[in-house]
Amino acid sequence: MALSRRSTLLALLLAPLAEKAGPQDLPDNQHLPIPKTKEEEDARLPNGKSQRDEIARQEHADAMKDVDTLVATAQELRDELKHAGNFVVPVTSLRKTEEIEKLAKKIRGRLKS
């Protein structure tokens, strides 16, 4: 409880200082975003397509493959657990849960970027 009181007191004391701080306190190089050059904006592949569009298309295709694998693994896990019985969990089921978790993290990472 003492820690939360200290944290609250510290926040109350630092709040006025945070309001006074603004962009004028930043170094000169952090005021404006760095403009992109024409080459970075319009990167094209030899076939004329946008590099960004092709990367996005490939990421989507890879994510869809991973999703298909995830669904198939989840269905296999469901079937194994149905056939296993009430008090038995096969080792392969545990491995499949780990595989499902890895695939889900991989898909989440692709969707975030």
C-alpha atoms as a PDB file:
ATOM      1  CA  MET A   1       0.000   0.000   0.000  1.00  0.00           C
ATOM      2  CA  ALA A   2       2.894   2.332   0.733  1.00  0.00           C
ATOM      3  CA  LEU A   3       4.156   1.840  -2.803  1.00  0.00           C
ATOM      4  CA  SER A   4       0.871   2.954  -4.352  1.00  0.00           C
ATOM      5  CA  ARG A   5       0.799   6.021  -2.096  1.00  0.00           C
ATOM      6  CA  ARG A   6       4.327   6.879  -3.165  1.00  0.00           C
ATOM      7  CA  SER A   7       3.435   6.397  -6.814  1.00  0.00           C
ATOM      8  CA  THR A   8       0.369   8.608  -6.487  1.00  0.00           C
ATOM      9  CA  LEU A   9       2.329  11.305  -4.681  1.00  0.00           C
ATOM     10  CA  LEU A  10       5.085  11.184  -7.293  1.00  0.00           C
ATOM     11  CA  ALA A  11       2.533  11.435 -10.122  1.00  0.00           C
ATOM     12  CA  LEU A  12       0.879  14.452  -8.484  1.00  0.00           C
ATOM     13  CA  LEU A  13       4.218  16.184  -8.035  1.00  0.00           C
ATOM     14  CA  LEU A  14       5.402  15.514 -11.591  1.00  0.00           C
ATOM     15  CA  ALA A  15       2.120  16.344 -13.367  1.00  0.00           C
ATOM     16  CA  PRO A  16       2.744  20.128 -13.530  1.00  0.00           C
ATOM     17  CA  LEU A  17       6.234  19.516 -14.890  1.00  0.00           C
ATOM     18  CA  ALA A  18       4.882  17.238 -17.608  1.00  0.00           C
ATOM     19  CA  GLU A  19       2.353  19.877 -18.702  1.00  0.00           C
ATOM     20  CA  LYS A  20       5.087  22.497 -19.049  1.00  0.00           C
ATOM     21  CA  ALA A  21       7.281  20.206 -21.150  1.00  0.00           C
ATOM     22  CA  GLY A  22       6.504  20.465 -24.816  1.00  0.00           C
ATOM     23  CA  PRO A  23       8.023  20.327 -28.275  1.00  0.00           C
ATOM     24  CA  GLN A  24      10.311  23.241 -27.443  1.00  0.00           C
ATOM     25  CA  ASP A  25      12.205  20.917 -25.073  1.00  0.00           C
ATOM     26  CA  LEU A  26      13.067  18.464 -27.840  1.00  0.00           C
ATOM     27  CA  PRO A  27      16.355  18.650 -29.746  1.00  0.00           C
ATOM     28  CA  ASP A  28      16.177  20.329 -33.169  1.00  0.00           C
ATOM     29  CA  ASN A  29      16.307  17.052 -35.065  1.00  0.00           C
ATOM     30  CA  GLN A  30      13.172  15.693 -33.335  1.00  0.00           C
ATOM     31  CA  HIS A  31      10.802  18.562 -34.254  1.00  0.00           C
ATOM     32  CA  LEU A  32       9.833  17.427 -37.708  1.00  0.00           C
ATOM     33  CA  PRO A  33       9.480  13.985 -39.232  1.00  0.00           C
ATOM     34  CA  ILE A  34      12.243  13.042 -41.622  1.00  0.00           C
ATOM     35  CA  PRO A  35      10.922  13.385 -45.166  1.00  0.00           C
ATOM     36  CA  LYS A  36      11.246  10.308 -47.314  1.00  0.00           C
ATOM     37  CA  THR A  37      13.140  10.524 -50.534  1.00  0.00           C
ATOM     38  CA  LYS A  38      11.455   9.882 -53.845  1.00  0.00           C
ATOM     39  CA  GLU A  39      13.244   6.510 -54.110  1.00  0.00           C
ATOM     40  CA  GLU A  40      11.905   5.293 -50.740  1.00  0.00           C
ATOM     41  CA  GLU A  41       8.329   6.279 -51.607  1.00  0.00           C
ATOM     42  CA  ASP A  42       8.201   4.821 -55.107  1.00  0.00           C
ATOM     43  CA  ALA A  43      10.307   1.654 -54.825  1.00  0.00           C
ATOM     44  CA  ARG A  44       9.358  -0.458 -57.834  1.00  0.00           C
ATOM     45  CA  LEU A  45      10.223  -3.991 -58.804  1.00  0.00           C
ATOM     46  CA  PRO A  46      11.672  -4.765 -62.253  1.00  0.00           C
ATOM     47  CA  ASN A  47       8.193  -5.799 -63.430  1.00  0.00           C
ATOM     48  CA  GLY A  48       6.854  -2.326 -62.540  1.00  0.00           C
ATOM     49  CA  LYS A  49       4.815  -3.307 -59.499  1.00  0.00           C
ATOM     50  CA  SER A  50       5.130  -1.499 -56.187  1.00  0.00           C
ATOM     51  CA  GLN A  51       7.508  -3.228 -53.803  1.00  0.00           C
ATOM     52  CA  ARG A  52       5.290  -2.431 -50.811  1.00  0.00           C
ATOM     53  CA  ASP A  53       2.237  -3.919 -52.515  1.00  0.00           C
ATOM     54  CA  GLU A  54       4.097  -7.101 -53.368  1.00  0.00           C
ATOM     55  CA  ILE A  55       5.448  -7.453 -49.822  1.00  0.00           C
ATOM     56  CA  ALA A  56       1.948  -6.929 -48.418  1.00  0.00           C
ATOM     57  CA  ARG A  57       0.509  -9.471 -50.874  1.00  0.00           C
ATOM     58  CA  GLN A  58       3.161 -12.049 -49.910  1.00  0.00           C
ATOM     59  CA  GLU A  59       2.635 -11.423 -46.173  1.00  0.00           C
ATOM     60  CA  HIS A  60      -1.104 -11.948 -46.674  1.00  0.00           C
ATOM     61  CA  ALA A  61      -0.534 -15.189 -48.583  1.00  0.00           C
ATOM     62  CA  ASP A  62       1.845 -16.458 -45.877  1.00  0.00           C
ATOM     63  CA  ALA A  63      -0.639 -15.515 -43.156  1.00  0.00           C
ATOM     64  CA  MET A  64      -3.405 -17.392 -44.975  1.00  0.00           C
ATOM     65  CA  LYS A  65      -1.208 -20.516 -45.225  1.00  0.00           C
ATOM     66  CA  ASP A  66      -0.475 -20.287 -41.507  1.00  0.00           C
ATOM     67  CA  VAL A  67      -4.181 -19.825 -40.741  1.00  0.00           C
ATOM     68  CA  ASP A  68      -5.036 -22.933 -42.770  1.00  0.00           C
ATOM     69  CA  THR A  69      -2.384 -24.899 -40.867  1.00  0.00           C
ATOM     70  CA  LEU A  70      -3.698 -23.517 -37.575  1.00  0.00           C
ATOM     71  CA  VAL A  71      -7.264 -24.573 -38.354  1.00  0.00           C
ATOM     72  CA  ALA A  72      -6.192 -28.055 -39.452  1.00  0.00           C
ATOM     73  CA  THR A  73      -4.085 -28.522 -36.302  1.00  0.00           C
ATOM     74  CA  ALA A  74      -6.926 -27.317 -34.083  1.00  0.00           C
ATOM     75  CA  GLN A  75      -9.332 -29.767 -35.713  1.00  0.00           C
ATOM     76  CA  GLU A  76      -6.849 -32.616 -35.246  1.00  0.00           C
ATOM     77  CA  LEU A  77      -6.496 -31.642 -31.583  1.00  0.00           C
ATOM     78  CA  ARG A  78     -10.271 -31.628 -31.154  1.00  0.00           C
ATOM     79  CA  ASP A  79     -10.560 -35.090 -32.705  1.00  0.00           C
ATOM     80  CA  GLU A  80      -7.737 -36.470 -30.527  1.00  0.00           C
ATOM     81  CA  LEU A  81      -9.331 -35.142 -27.363  1.00  0.00           C
ATOM     82  CA  LYS A  82     -12.726 -36.587 -28.321  1.00  0.00           C
ATOM     83  CA  HIS A  83     -11.234 -40.049 -28.811  1.00  0.00           C
ATOM     84  CA  ALA A  84      -8.913 -39.913 -25.803  1.00  0.00           C
ATOM     85  CA  GLY A  85     -11.517 -40.093 -23.075  1.00  0.00           C
ATOM     86  CA  ASN A  86     -12.264 -38.041 -19.987  1.00  0.00           C
ATOM     87  CA  PHE A  87      -9.135 -38.500 -17.905  1.00  0.00           C
ATOM     88  CA  VAL A  88      -6.433 -39.044 -20.546  1.00  0.00           C
ATOM     89  CA  VAL A  89      -4.497 -36.396 -22.468  1.00  0.00           C
ATOM     90  CA  PRO A  90      -2.188 -37.729 -25.173  1.00  0.00           C
ATOM     91  CA  VAL A  91       1.306 -36.275 -25.429  1.00  0.00           C
ATOM     92  CA  THR A  92       0.669 -35.479 -29.090  1.00  0.00           C
ATOM     93  CA  SER A  93      -2.200 -33.246 -27.983  1.00  0.00           C
ATOM     94  CA  LEU A  94       0.158 -31.219 -25.835  1.00  0.00           C
ATOM     95  CA  ARG A  95       2.537 -30.862 -28.768  1.00  0.00           C
ATOM     96  CA  LYS A  96      -0.327 -29.703 -30.968  1.00  0.00           C
ATOM     97  CA  THR A  97      -1.304 -27.051 -28.433  1.00  0.00           C
ATOM     98  CA  GLU A  98       2.265 -25.741 -28.529  1.00  0.00           C
ATOM     99  CA  GLU A  99       2.188 -25.731 -32.326  1.00  0.00           C
ATOM    100  CA  ILE A 100      -1.129 -23.865 -32.272  1.00  0.00           C
ATOM    101  CA  GLU A 101       0.323 -21.278 -29.917  1.00  0.00           C
ATOM    102  CA  LYS A 102       3.394 -20.762 -32.128  1.00  0.00           C
ATOM    103  CA  LEU A 103       1.247 -20.383 -35.233  1.00  0.00           C
ATOM    104  CA  ALA A 104      -1.046 -17.899 -33.496  1.00  0.00           C
ATOM    105  CA  LYS A 105       1.922 -15.765 -32.402  1.00  0.00           C
ATOM    106  CA  LYS A 106       3.382 -15.926 -35.902  1.00  0.00           C
ATOM    107  CA  ILE A 107       0.093 -14.824 -37.453  1.00  0.00           C
ATOM    108  CA  ARG A 108      -0.330 -12.024 -34.897  1.00  0.00           C
ATOM    109  CA  GLY A 109       3.181 -10.790 -35.667  1.00  0.00           C
ATOM    110  CA  ARG A 110       2.448 -10.694 -39.392  1.00  0.00           C
ATOM    111  CA  LEU A 111      -0.798  -8.822 -38.883  1.00  0.00           C
ATOM    112  CA  LYS A 112       0.823  -6.214 -36.640  1.00  0.00           C
ATOM    113  CA  SER A 113       3.523  -5.287 -39.124  1.00  0.00           C
END
